[in-house]
Amino acid sequence: MLEKAKDFAVEIVEICNLIKKEKRESVMTNQLIRSGTSIGANIHESKYAHSTADFVSKMQIALKECYESEYWLELLNRTGYLSDTRYKSLNNNCGAIRRMLISSINTVKNNKES
């Protein structure tokens, strides 16, 4: 999951830098860079959690950043800054990470209750 999040972050940085350079848009791209790179950072940080609750908290933050990234991707697509093809690819990658995060959070919560 962490490697997928890192790959996603690299893709986000690359596409945002391209949009900034070619289309002079920086407000939405800056937001997307923040949220898109934060996913992996929080997953990485969760590996060093002090407790199960701390682990779940970091993973939930990563999940929130995933949802935010999906929002900015959609907005960039709907405003014409991001092509449909690129949007679908990035959104699918983000969705895959989101599903992994949800599964991990649920697994830890279910194991804690057992």
PDB file of N, CA and C in Angstrom:
ATOM      1  N   MET A   1       0.827  -1.188   0.000  1.00  0.00           N
ATOM      2  CA  MET A   1       0.000   0.000   0.000  1.00  0.00           C
ATOM      3  C   MET A   1       0.877   1.259   0.000  1.00  0.00           C
ATOM      4  N   LEU A   2       1.937   1.231   0.803  1.00  0.00           N
ATOM      5  CA  LEU A   2       2.815   2.403   0.868  1.00  0.00           C
ATOM      6  C   LEU A   2       3.466   2.674  -0.482  1.00  0.00           C
ATOM      7  N   GLU A   3       3.908   1.632  -1.158  1.00  0.00           N
ATOM      8  CA  GLU A   3       4.532   1.832  -2.474  1.00  0.00           C
ATOM      9  C   GLU A   3       3.538   2.404  -3.475  1.00  0.00           C
ATOM     10  N   LYS A   4       2.296   1.912  -3.426  1.00  0.00           N
ATOM     11  CA  LYS A   4       1.249   2.439  -4.301  1.00  0.00           C
ATOM     12  C   LYS A   4       1.006   3.921  -4.007  1.00  0.00           C
ATOM     13  N   ALA A   5       1.011   4.278  -2.724  1.00  0.00           N
ATOM     14  CA  ALA A   5       0.803   5.672  -2.321  1.00  0.00           C
ATOM     15  C   ALA A   5       1.974   6.552  -2.773  1.00  0.00           C
ATOM     16  N   LYS A   6       3.190   6.017  -2.693  1.00  0.00           N
ATOM     17  CA  LYS A   6       4.363   6.772  -3.159  1.00  0.00           C
ATOM     18  C   LYS A   6       4.292   6.984  -4.666  1.00  0.00           C
ATOM     19  N   ASP A   7       3.949   5.925  -5.390  1.00  0.00           N
ATOM     20  CA  ASP A   7       3.814   6.041  -6.854  1.00  0.00           C
ATOM     21  C   ASP A   7       2.738   7.059  -7.223  1.00  0.00           C
ATOM     22  N   PHE A   8       1.640   7.030  -6.482  1.00  0.00           N
ATOM     23  CA  PHE A   8       0.559   7.989  -6.710  1.00  0.00           C
ATOM     24  C   PHE A   8       1.058   9.415  -6.454  1.00  0.00           C
ATOM     25  N   ALA A   9       1.801   9.602  -5.382  1.00  0.00           N
ATOM     26  CA  ALA A   9       2.331  10.929  -5.047  1.00  0.00           C
ATOM     27  C   ALA A   9       3.238  11.451  -6.155  1.00  0.00           C
ATOM     28  N   VAL A  10       4.083  10.589  -6.683  1.00  0.00           N
ATOM     29  CA  VAL A  10       4.982  10.990  -7.775  1.00  0.00           C
ATOM     30  C   VAL A  10       4.163  11.403  -8.994  1.00  0.00           C
ATOM     31  N   GLU A  11       3.145  10.607  -9.325  1.00  0.00           N
ATOM     32  CA  GLU A  11       2.270  10.945 -10.455  1.00  0.00           C
ATOM     33  C   GLU A  11       1.600  12.298 -10.252  1.00  0.00           C
ATOM     34  N   ILE A  12       1.123  12.529  -9.043  1.00  0.00           N
ATOM     35  CA  ILE A  12       0.440  13.783  -8.718  1.00  0.00           C
ATOM     36  C   ILE A  12       1.390  14.964  -8.880  1.00  0.00           C
ATOM     37  N   VAL A  13       2.581  14.854  -8.342  1.00  0.00           N
ATOM     38  CA  VAL A  13       3.560  15.940  -8.446  1.00  0.00           C
ATOM     39  C   VAL A  13       3.877  16.218  -9.918  1.00  0.00           C
ATOM     40  N   GLU A  14       4.086  15.156 -10.675  1.00  0.00           N
ATOM     41  CA  GLU A  14       4.420  15.332 -12.098  1.00  0.00           C
ATOM     42  C   GLU A  14       3.289  16.001 -12.868  1.00  0.00           C
ATOM     43  N   ILE A  15       2.057  15.529 -12.707  1.00  0.00           N
ATOM     44  CA  ILE A  15       0.945  16.095 -13.468  1.00  0.00           C
ATOM     45  C   ILE A  15       0.649  17.524 -13.006  1.00  0.00           C
ATOM     46  N   CYS A  16       0.762  17.792 -11.726  1.00  0.00           N
ATOM     47  CA  CYS A  16       0.506  19.148 -11.220  1.00  0.00           C
ATOM     48  C   CYS A  16       1.567  20.125 -11.725  1.00  0.00           C
ATOM     49  N   ASN A  17       2.816  19.697 -11.743  1.00  0.00           N
ATOM     50  CA  ASN A  17       3.871  20.567 -12.272  1.00  0.00           C
ATOM     51  C   ASN A  17       3.649  20.858 -13.746  1.00  0.00           C
ATOM     52  N   LEU A  18       3.176  19.868 -14.486  1.00  0.00           N
ATOM     53  CA  LEU A  18       2.875  20.052 -15.904  1.00  0.00           C
ATOM     54  C   LEU A  18       1.714  21.040 -16.096  1.00  0.00           C
ATOM     55  N   ILE A  19       0.660  20.879 -15.297  1.00  0.00           N
ATOM     56  CA  ILE A  19      -0.484  21.792 -15.389  1.00  0.00           C
ATOM     57  C   ILE A  19      -0.057  23.218 -15.030  1.00  0.00           C
ATOM     58  N   LYS A  20       0.757  23.351 -13.987  1.00  0.00           N
ATOM     59  CA  LYS A  20       1.241  24.684 -13.596  1.00  0.00           C
ATOM     60  C   LYS A  20       2.034  25.329 -14.726  1.00  0.00           C
ATOM     61  N   LYS A  21       2.881  24.533 -15.362  1.00  0.00           N
ATOM     62  CA  LYS A  21       3.746  25.054 -16.419  1.00  0.00           C
ATOM     63  C   LYS A  21       2.952  25.389 -17.673  1.00  0.00           C
ATOM     64  N   GLU A  22       2.111  24.474 -18.117  1.00  0.00           N
ATOM     65  CA  GLU A  22       1.426  24.649 -19.394  1.00  0.00           C
ATOM     66  C   GLU A  22       0.155  25.490 -19.308  1.00  0.00           C
ATOM     67  N   LYS A  23      -0.553  25.397 -18.191  1.00  0.00           N
ATOM     68  CA  LYS A  23      -1.865  26.051 -18.107  1.00  0.00           C
ATOM     69  C   LYS A  23      -1.944  27.140 -17.044  1.00  0.00           C
ATOM     70  N   ARG A  24      -0.853  27.358 -16.354  1.00  0.00           N
ATOM     71  CA  ARG A  24      -0.756  28.438 -15.361  1.00  0.00           C
ATOM     72  C   ARG A  24      -1.813  28.356 -14.251  1.00  0.00           C
ATOM     73  N   GLU A  25      -2.141  27.152 -13.842  1.00  0.00           N
ATOM     74  CA  GLU A  25      -3.089  26.971 -12.746  1.00  0.00           C
ATOM     75  C   GLU A  25      -2.301  26.536 -11.523  1.00  0.00           C
ATOM     76  N   SER A  26      -2.518  27.206 -10.384  1.00  0.00           N
ATOM     77  CA  SER A  26      -1.746  26.812  -9.209  1.00  0.00           C
ATOM     78  C   SER A  26      -2.579  26.588  -7.953  1.00  0.00           C
ATOM     79  N   VAL A  27      -3.766  27.119  -7.875  1.00  0.00           N
ATOM     80  CA  VAL A  27      -4.558  26.983  -6.647  1.00  0.00           C
ATOM     81  C   VAL A  27      -4.966  25.524  -6.429  1.00  0.00           C
ATOM     82  N   MET A  28      -5.637  24.937  -7.410  1.00  0.00           N
ATOM     83  CA  MET A  28      -6.097  23.549  -7.267  1.00  0.00           C
ATOM     84  C   MET A  28      -4.932  22.564  -7.275  1.00  0.00           C
ATOM     85  N   THR A  29      -3.929  22.822  -8.114  1.00  0.00           N
ATOM     86  CA  THR A  29      -2.790  21.904  -8.176  1.00  0.00           C
ATOM     87  C   THR A  29      -2.003  21.903  -6.869  1.00  0.00           C
ATOM     88  N   ASN A  30      -1.853  23.051  -6.240  1.00  0.00           N
ATOM     89  CA  ASN A  30      -1.156  23.092  -4.945  1.00  0.00           C
ATOM     90  C   ASN A  30      -1.920  22.294  -3.894  1.00  0.00           C
ATOM     91  N   GLN A  31      -3.244  22.411  -3.914  1.00  0.00           N
ATOM     92  CA  GLN A  31      -4.066  21.651  -2.970  1.00  0.00           C
ATOM     93  C   GLN A  31      -3.915  20.151  -3.226  1.00  0.00           C
ATOM     94  N   LEU A  32      -3.926  19.767  -4.504  1.00  0.00           N
ATOM     95  CA  LEU A  32      -3.802  18.360  -4.860  1.00  0.00           C
ATOM     96  C   LEU A  32      -2.427  17.814  -4.486  1.00  0.00           C
ATOM     97  N   ILE A  33      -1.388  18.597  -4.674  1.00  0.00           N
ATOM     98  CA  ILE A  33      -0.047  18.149  -4.271  1.00  0.00           C
ATOM     99  C   ILE A  33      -0.018  17.898  -2.764  1.00  0.00           C
ATOM    100  N   ARG A  34      -0.618  18.797  -1.991  1.00  0.00           N
ATOM    101  CA  ARG A  34      -0.627  18.624  -0.530  1.00  0.00           C
ATOM    102  C   ARG A  34      -1.352  17.340  -0.129  1.00  0.00           C
ATOM    103  N   SER A  35      -2.565  17.173  -0.648  1.00  0.00           N
ATOM    104  CA  SER A  35      -3.351  16.002  -0.236  1.00  0.00           C
ATOM    105  C   SER A  35      -2.792  14.712  -0.838  1.00  0.00           C
ATOM    106  N   GLY A  36      -2.368  14.761  -2.091  1.00  0.00           N
ATOM    107  CA  GLY A  36      -1.877  13.565  -2.766  1.00  0.00           C
ATOM    108  C   GLY A  36      -0.582  13.017  -2.198  1.00  0.00           C
ATOM    109  N   THR A  37       0.267  13.903  -1.710  1.00  0.00           N
ATOM    110  CA  THR A  37       1.524  13.445  -1.112  1.00  0.00           C
ATOM    111  C   THR A  37       1.353  13.095   0.367  1.00  0.00           C
ATOM    112  N   SER A  38       0.332  13.647   0.984  1.00  0.00           N
ATOM    113  CA  SER A  38       0.075  13.389   2.398  1.00  0.00           C
ATOM    114  C   SER A  38      -0.409  11.963   2.659  1.00  0.00           C
ATOM    115  N   ILE A  39      -1.025  11.352   1.666  1.00  0.00           N
ATOM    116  CA  ILE A  39      -1.522   9.980   1.834  1.00  0.00           C
ATOM    117  C   ILE A  39      -0.374   9.060   2.229  1.00  0.00           C
ATOM    118  N   GLY A  40       0.650   9.023   1.412  1.00  0.00           N
ATOM    119  CA  GLY A  40       1.798   8.161   1.687  1.00  0.00           C
ATOM    120  C   GLY A  40       2.539   8.545   2.949  1.00  0.00           C
ATOM    121  N   ALA A  41       2.626   9.840   3.214  1.00  0.00           N
ATOM    122  CA  ALA A  41       3.322  10.295   4.424  1.00  0.00           C
ATOM    123  C   ALA A  41       2.627   9.762   5.681  1.00  0.00           C
ATOM    124  N   ASN A  42       1.306   9.773   5.678  1.00  0.00           N
ATOM    125  CA  ASN A  42       0.567   9.274   6.842  1.00  0.00           C
ATOM    126  C   ASN A  42       0.620   7.753   6.945  1.00  0.00           C
ATOM    127  N   ILE A  43       0.610   7.065   5.814  1.00  0.00           N
ATOM    128  CA  ILE A  43       0.763   5.609   5.847  1.00  0.00           C
ATOM    129  C   ILE A  43       2.149   5.263   6.398  1.00  0.00           C
ATOM    130  N   HIS A  44       3.159   5.971   5.928  1.00  0.00           N
ATOM    131  CA  HIS A  44       4.525   5.752   6.412  1.00  0.00           C
ATOM    132  C   HIS A  44       4.612   6.005   7.918  1.00  0.00           C
ATOM    133  N   GLU A  45       4.022   7.092   8.350  1.00  0.00           N
ATOM    134  CA  GLU A  45       4.048   7.435   9.767  1.00  0.00           C
ATOM    135  C   GLU A  45       3.315   6.392  10.614  1.00  0.00           C
ATOM    136  N   SER A  46       2.274   5.773  10.056  1.00  0.00           N
ATOM    137  CA  SER A  46       1.499   4.777  10.812  1.00  0.00           C
ATOM    138  C   SER A  46       2.354   3.567  11.188  1.00  0.00           C
ATOM    139  N   LYS A  47       3.412   3.309  10.420  1.00  0.00           N
ATOM    140  CA  LYS A  47       4.289   2.180  10.726  1.00  0.00           C
ATOM    141  C   LYS A  47       4.996   2.367  12.072  1.00  0.00           C
ATOM    142  N   TYR A  48       5.076   3.596  12.529  1.00  0.00           N
ATOM    143  CA  TYR A  48       5.771   3.906  13.775  1.00  0.00           C
ATOM    144  C   TYR A  48       4.800   4.391  14.848  1.00  0.00           C
ATOM    145  N   ALA A  49       3.560   3.933  14.739  1.00  0.00           N
ATOM    146  CA  ALA A  49       2.519   4.343  15.695  1.00  0.00           C
ATOM    147  C   ALA A  49       2.851   3.840  17.096  1.00  0.00           C
ATOM    148  N   HIS A  50       2.418   4.608  18.089  1.00  0.00           N
ATOM    149  CA  HIS A  50       2.660   4.258  19.489  1.00  0.00           C
ATOM    150  C   HIS A  50       1.654   3.246  20.012  1.00  0.00           C
ATOM    151  N   SER A  51       0.519   3.149  19.330  1.00  0.00           N
ATOM    152  CA  SER A  51      -0.539   2.252  19.785  1.00  0.00           C
ATOM    153  C   SER A  51      -1.444   1.920  18.602  1.00  0.00           C
ATOM    154  N   THR A  52      -2.359   1.013  18.836  1.00  0.00           N
ATOM    155  CA  THR A  52      -3.332   0.677  17.799  1.00  0.00           C
ATOM    156  C   THR A  52      -4.175   1.893  17.458  1.00  0.00           C
ATOM    157  N   ALA A  53      -4.574   2.638  18.467  1.00  0.00           N
ATOM    158  CA  ALA A  53      -5.383   3.842  18.235  1.00  0.00           C
ATOM    159  C   ALA A  53      -4.610   4.868  17.407  1.00  0.00           C
ATOM    160  N   ASP A  54      -3.329   5.003  17.682  1.00  0.00           N
ATOM    161  CA  ASP A  54      -2.481   5.926  16.920  1.00  0.00           C
ATOM    162  C   ASP A  54      -2.358   5.455  15.470  1.00  0.00           C
ATOM    163  N   PHE A  55      -2.188   4.142  15.277  1.00  0.00           N
ATOM    164  CA  PHE A  55      -2.120   3.566  13.935  1.00  0.00           C
ATOM    165  C   PHE A  55      -3.403   3.868  13.158  1.00  0.00           C
ATOM    166  N   VAL A  56      -4.530   3.591  13.768  1.00  0.00           N
ATOM    167  CA  VAL A  56      -5.818   3.822  13.111  1.00  0.00           C
ATOM    168  C   VAL A  56      -5.996   5.301  12.793  1.00  0.00           C
ATOM    169  N   SER A  57      -5.587   6.153  13.693  1.00  0.00           N
ATOM    170  CA  SER A  57      -5.696   7.597  13.474  1.00  0.00           C
ATOM    171  C   SER A  57      -4.901   8.038  12.248  1.00  0.00           C
ATOM    172  N   LYS A  58      -3.671   7.561  12.133  1.00  0.00           N
ATOM    173  CA  LYS A  58      -2.828   7.924  10.979  1.00  0.00           C
ATOM    174  C   LYS A  58      -3.444   7.401   9.680  1.00  0.00           C
ATOM    175  N   MET A  59      -3.957   6.187   9.722  1.00  0.00           N
ATOM    176  CA  MET A  59      -4.571   5.601   8.533  1.00  0.00           C
ATOM    177  C   MET A  59      -5.856   6.358   8.158  1.00  0.00           C
ATOM    178  N   GLN A  60      -6.601   6.800   9.156  1.00  0.00           N
ATOM    179  CA  GLN A  60      -7.815   7.576   8.879  1.00  0.00           C
ATOM    180  C   GLN A  60      -7.476   8.945   8.284  1.00  0.00           C
ATOM    181  N   ILE A  61      -6.383   9.534   8.721  1.00  0.00           N
ATOM    182  CA  ILE A  61      -5.935  10.794   8.125  1.00  0.00           C
ATOM    183  C   ILE A  61      -5.563  10.554   6.663  1.00  0.00           C
ATOM    184  N   ALA A  62      -4.853   9.464   6.395  1.00  0.00           N
ATOM    185  CA  ALA A  62      -4.497   9.113   5.015  1.00  0.00           C
ATOM    186  C   ALA A  62      -5.762   8.928   4.177  1.00  0.00           C
ATOM    187  N   LEU A  63      -6.765   8.294   4.747  1.00  0.00           N
ATOM    188  CA  LEU A  63      -8.034   8.090   4.053  1.00  0.00           C
ATOM    189  C   LEU A  63      -8.711   9.419   3.731  1.00  0.00           C
ATOM    190  N   LYS A  64      -8.717  10.330   4.678  1.00  0.00           N
ATOM    191  CA  LYS A  64      -9.298  11.656   4.437  1.00  0.00           C
ATOM    192  C   LYS A  64      -8.549  12.386   3.317  1.00  0.00           C
ATOM    193  N   GLU A  65      -7.242  12.256   3.304  1.00  0.00           N
ATOM    194  CA  GLU A  65      -6.437  12.885   2.251  1.00  0.00           C
ATOM    195  C   GLU A  65      -6.747  12.262   0.897  1.00  0.00           C
ATOM    196  N   CYS A  66      -7.042  10.974   0.899  1.00  0.00           N
ATOM    197  CA  CYS A  66      -7.436  10.279  -0.328  1.00  0.00           C
ATOM    198  C   CYS A  66      -8.737  10.872  -0.868  1.00  0.00           C
ATOM    199  N   TYR A  67      -9.713  11.023   0.005  1.00  0.00           N
ATOM    200  CA  TYR A  67     -10.986  11.615  -0.401  1.00  0.00           C
ATOM    201  C   TYR A  67     -10.786  13.036  -0.924  1.00  0.00           C
ATOM    202  N   GLU A  68      -9.938  13.796  -0.254  1.00  0.00           N
ATOM    203  CA  GLU A  68      -9.673  15.157  -0.705  1.00  0.00           C
ATOM    204  C   GLU A  68      -9.001  15.161  -2.075  1.00  0.00           C
ATOM    205  N   SER A  69      -8.065  14.246  -2.278  1.00  0.00           N
ATOM    206  CA  SER A  69      -7.392  14.157  -3.579  1.00  0.00           C
ATOM    207  C   SER A  69      -8.387  13.848  -4.692  1.00  0.00           C
ATOM    208  N   GLU A  70      -9.328  12.960  -4.407  1.00  0.00           N
ATOM    209  CA  GLU A  70     -10.357  12.644  -5.401  1.00  0.00           C
ATOM    210  C   GLU A  70     -11.166  13.892  -5.764  1.00  0.00           C
ATOM    211  N   TYR A  71     -11.435  14.717  -4.767  1.00  0.00           N
ATOM    212  CA  TYR A  71     -12.161  15.965  -5.004  1.00  0.00           C
ATOM    213  C   TYR A  71     -11.388  16.889  -5.946  1.00  0.00           C
ATOM    214  N   TRP A  72     -10.104  17.105  -5.643  1.00  0.00           N
ATOM    215  CA  TRP A  72      -9.300  18.021  -6.471  1.00  0.00           C
ATOM    216  C   TRP A  72      -9.096  17.462  -7.880  1.00  0.00           C
ATOM    217  N   LEU A  73      -8.939  16.154  -7.996  1.00  0.00           N
ATOM    218  CA  LEU A  73      -8.822  15.541  -9.319  1.00  0.00           C
ATOM    219  C   LEU A  73     -10.084  15.792 -10.142  1.00  0.00           C
ATOM    220  N   GLU A  74     -11.236  15.584  -9.512  1.00  0.00           N
ATOM    221  CA  GLU A  74     -12.502  15.808 -10.227  1.00  0.00           C
ATOM    222  C   GLU A  74     -12.644  17.270 -10.630  1.00  0.00           C
ATOM    223  N   LEU A  75     -12.301  18.166  -9.732  1.00  0.00           N
ATOM    224  CA  LEU A  75     -12.412  19.594 -10.035  1.00  0.00           C
ATOM    225  C   LEU A  75     -11.478  19.998 -11.180  1.00  0.00           C
ATOM    226  N   LEU A  76     -10.256  19.496 -11.169  1.00  0.00           N
ATOM    227  CA  LEU A  76      -9.320  19.788 -12.266  1.00  0.00           C
ATOM    228  C   LEU A  76      -9.839  19.226 -13.588  1.00  0.00           C
ATOM    229  N   ASN A  77     -10.472  18.071 -13.536  1.00  0.00           N
ATOM    230  CA  ASN A  77     -11.046  17.484 -14.746  1.00  0.00           C
ATOM    231  C   ASN A  77     -12.250  18.294 -15.232  1.00  0.00           C
ATOM    232  N   ARG A  78     -13.130  18.646 -14.337  1.00  0.00           N
ATOM    233  CA  ARG A  78     -14.353  19.359 -14.723  1.00  0.00           C
ATOM    234  C   ARG A  78     -14.082  20.782 -15.209  1.00  0.00           C
ATOM    235  N   THR A  79     -12.944  21.341 -14.815  1.00  0.00           N
ATOM    236  CA  THR A  79     -12.590  22.688 -15.274  1.00  0.00           C
ATOM    237  C   THR A  79     -11.674  22.654 -16.490  1.00  0.00           C
ATOM    238  N   GLY A  80     -11.392  21.463 -17.009  1.00  0.00           N
ATOM    239  CA  GLY A  80     -10.629  21.340 -18.240  1.00  0.00           C
ATOM    240  C   GLY A  80      -9.119  21.338 -18.088  1.00  0.00           C
ATOM    241  N   TYR A  81      -8.621  21.316 -16.875  1.00  0.00           N
ATOM    242  CA  TYR A  81      -7.166  21.297 -16.669  1.00  0.00           C
ATOM    243  C   TYR A  81      -6.584  19.885 -16.748  1.00  0.00           C
ATOM    244  N   LEU A  82      -7.436  18.885 -16.567  1.00  0.00           N
ATOM    245  CA  LEU A  82      -6.988  17.503 -16.548  1.00  0.00           C
ATOM    246  C   LEU A  82      -7.857  16.706 -17.513  1.00  0.00           C
ATOM    247  N   SER A  83      -7.223  16.030 -18.464  1.00  0.00           N
ATOM    248  CA  SER A  83      -7.968  15.269 -19.475  1.00  0.00           C
ATOM    249  C   SER A  83      -8.752  14.125 -18.829  1.00  0.00           C
ATOM    250  N   ASP A  84      -9.790  13.681 -19.523  1.00  0.00           N
ATOM    251  CA  ASP A  84     -10.601  12.568 -19.021  1.00  0.00           C
ATOM    252  C   ASP A  84      -9.755  11.317 -18.814  1.00  0.00           C
ATOM    253  N   THR A  85      -8.866  11.041 -19.763  1.00  0.00           N
ATOM    254  CA  THR A  85      -8.019   9.849 -19.678  1.00  0.00           C
ATOM    255  C   THR A  85      -7.122   9.900 -18.449  1.00  0.00           C
ATOM    256  N   ARG A  86      -6.448  11.011 -18.264  1.00  0.00           N
ATOM    257  CA  ARG A  86      -5.539  11.158 -17.113  1.00  0.00           C
ATOM    258  C   ARG A  86      -6.317  11.162 -15.802  1.00  0.00           C
ATOM    259  N   TYR A  87      -7.482  11.817 -15.817  1.00  0.00           N
ATOM    260  CA  TYR A  87      -8.339  11.858 -14.623  1.00  0.00           C
ATOM    261  C   TYR A  87      -8.744  10.443 -14.213  1.00  0.00           C
ATOM    262  N   LYS A  88      -9.220   9.658 -15.171  1.00  0.00           N
ATOM    263  CA  LYS A  88      -9.679   8.299 -14.857  1.00  0.00           C
ATOM    264  C   LYS A  88      -8.548   7.454 -14.295  1.00  0.00           C
ATOM    265  N   SER A  89      -7.372   7.573 -14.876  1.00  0.00           N
ATOM    266  CA  SER A  89      -6.222   6.810 -14.403  1.00  0.00           C
ATOM    267  C   SER A  89      -5.842   7.199 -12.974  1.00  0.00           C
ATOM    268  N   LEU A  90      -5.701   8.487 -12.732  1.00  0.00           N
ATOM    269  CA  LEU A  90      -5.324   8.962 -11.396  1.00  0.00           C
ATOM    270  C   LEU A  90      -6.418   8.648 -10.375  1.00  0.00           C
ATOM    271  N   ASN A  91      -7.670   8.834 -10.763  1.00  0.00           N
ATOM    272  CA  ASN A  91      -8.781   8.579  -9.852  1.00  0.00           C
ATOM    273  C   ASN A  91      -8.871   7.087  -9.512  1.00  0.00           C
ATOM    274  N   ASN A  92      -8.606   6.223 -10.497  1.00  0.00           N
ATOM    275  CA  ASN A  92      -8.603   4.781 -10.235  1.00  0.00           C
ATOM    276  C   ASN A  92      -7.491   4.403  -9.265  1.00  0.00           C
ATOM    277  N   ASN A  93      -6.314   4.994  -9.440  1.00  0.00           N
ATOM    278  CA  ASN A  93      -5.195   4.732  -8.524  1.00  0.00           C
ATOM    279  C   ASN A  93      -5.529   5.197  -7.116  1.00  0.00           C
ATOM    280  N   CYS A  94      -6.123   6.364  -7.024  1.00  0.00           N
ATOM    281  CA  CYS A  94      -6.506   6.907  -5.721  1.00  0.00           C
ATOM    282  C   CYS A  94      -7.573   6.022  -5.079  1.00  0.00           C
ATOM    283  N   GLY A  95      -8.527   5.571  -5.873  1.00  0.00           N
ATOM    284  CA  GLY A  95      -9.586   4.698  -5.373  1.00  0.00           C
ATOM    285  C   GLY A  95      -9.035   3.372  -4.866  1.00  0.00           C
ATOM    286  N   ALA A  96      -8.037   2.830  -5.543  1.00  0.00           N
ATOM    287  CA  ALA A  96      -7.419   1.574  -5.099  1.00  0.00           C
ATOM    288  C   ALA A  96      -6.751   1.756  -3.738  1.00  0.00           C
ATOM    289  N   ILE A  97      -6.054   2.875  -3.566  1.00  0.00           N
ATOM    290  CA  ILE A  97      -5.417   3.166  -2.276  1.00  0.00           C
ATOM    291  C   ILE A  97      -6.488   3.354  -1.205  1.00  0.00           C
ATOM    292  N   ARG A  98      -7.548   4.072  -1.543  1.00  0.00           N
ATOM    293  CA  ARG A  98      -8.650   4.302  -0.602  1.00  0.00           C
ATOM    294  C   ARG A  98      -9.238   2.973  -0.121  1.00  0.00           C
ATOM    295  N   ARG A  99      -9.474   2.053  -1.046  1.00  0.00           N
ATOM    296  CA  ARG A  99     -10.042   0.751  -0.664  1.00  0.00           C
ATOM    297  C   ARG A  99      -9.088  -0.036   0.236  1.00  0.00           C
ATOM    298  N   MET A 100      -7.792   0.046  -0.034  1.00  0.00           N
ATOM    299  CA  MET A 100      -6.807  -0.620   0.823  1.00  0.00           C
ATOM    300  C   MET A 100      -6.796  -0.014   2.227  1.00  0.00           C
ATOM    301  N   LEU A 101      -6.889   1.311   2.281  1.00  0.00           N
ATOM    302  CA  LEU A 101      -6.914   1.981   3.582  1.00  0.00           C
ATOM    303  C   LEU A 101      -8.147   1.572   4.384  1.00  0.00           C
ATOM    304  N   ILE A 102      -9.298   1.566   3.734  1.00  0.00           N
ATOM    305  CA  ILE A 102     -10.542   1.178   4.415  1.00  0.00           C
ATOM    306  C   ILE A 102     -10.424  -0.256   4.935  1.00  0.00           C
ATOM    307  N   SER A 103      -9.896  -1.142   4.104  1.00  0.00           N
ATOM    308  CA  SER A 103      -9.731  -2.538   4.501  1.00  0.00           C
ATOM    309  C   SER A 103      -8.783  -2.674   5.694  1.00  0.00           C
ATOM    310  N   SER A 104      -7.677  -1.944   5.654  1.00  0.00           N
ATOM    311  CA  SER A 104      -6.714  -2.004   6.763  1.00  0.00           C
ATOM    312  C   SER A 104      -7.310  -1.474   8.057  1.00  0.00           C
ATOM    313  N   ILE A 105      -7.997  -0.355   7.965  1.00  0.00           N
ATOM    314  CA  ILE A 105      -8.625   0.245   9.149  1.00  0.00           C
ATOM    315  C   ILE A 105      -9.651  -0.723   9.736  1.00  0.00           C
ATOM    316  N   ASN A 106     -10.496  -1.293   8.868  1.00  0.00           N
ATOM    317  CA  ASN A 106     -11.525  -2.218   9.346  1.00  0.00           C
ATOM    318  C   ASN A 106     -10.914  -3.472   9.953  1.00  0.00           C
ATOM    319  N   THR A 107      -9.848  -3.991   9.356  1.00  0.00           N
ATOM    320  CA  THR A 107      -9.182  -5.181   9.889  1.00  0.00           C
ATOM    321  C   THR A 107      -8.636  -4.918  11.283  1.00  0.00           C
ATOM    322  N   VAL A 108      -7.960  -3.805  11.452  1.00  0.00           N
ATOM    323  CA  VAL A 108      -7.387  -3.476  12.762  1.00  0.00           C
ATOM    324  C   VAL A 108      -8.497  -3.276  13.794  1.00  0.00           C
ATOM    325  N   LYS A 109      -9.538  -2.574  13.413  1.00  0.00           N
ATOM    326  CA  LYS A 109     -10.655  -2.350  14.345  1.00  0.00           C
ATOM    327  C   LYS A 109     -11.331  -3.669  14.717  1.00  0.00           C
ATOM    328  N   ASN A 110     -11.532  -4.552  13.736  1.00  0.00           N
ATOM    329  CA  ASN A 110     -12.175  -5.846  14.012  1.00  0.00           C
ATOM    330  C   ASN A 110     -11.286  -6.728  14.886  1.00  0.00           C
ATOM    331  N   ASN A 111      -9.976  -6.706  14.657  1.00  0.00           N
ATOM    332  CA  ASN A 111      -9.055  -7.503  15.458  1.00  0.00           C
ATOM    333  C   ASN A 111      -8.986  -6.996  16.894  1.00  0.00           C
ATOM    334  N   LYS A 112      -9.127  -5.694  17.057  1.00  0.00           N
ATOM    335  CA  LYS A 112      -9.081  -5.078  18.378  1.00  0.00           C
ATOM    336  C   LYS A 112     -10.305  -5.499  19.202  1.00  0.00           C
ATOM    337  N   GLU A 113     -11.438  -5.628  18.496  1.00  0.00           N
ATOM    338  CA  GLU A 113     -12.688  -5.999  19.177  1.00  0.00           C
ATOM    339  C   GLU A 113     -12.720  -7.474  19.541  1.00  0.00           C
ATOM    340  N   SER A 114     -11.946  -8.295  18.839  1.00  0.00           N
ATOM    341  CA  SER A 114     -11.977  -9.757  19.085  1.00  0.00           C
ATOM    342  C   SER A 114     -11.294 -10.147  20.367  1.00  0.00           C
TER     343      SER A 114
END
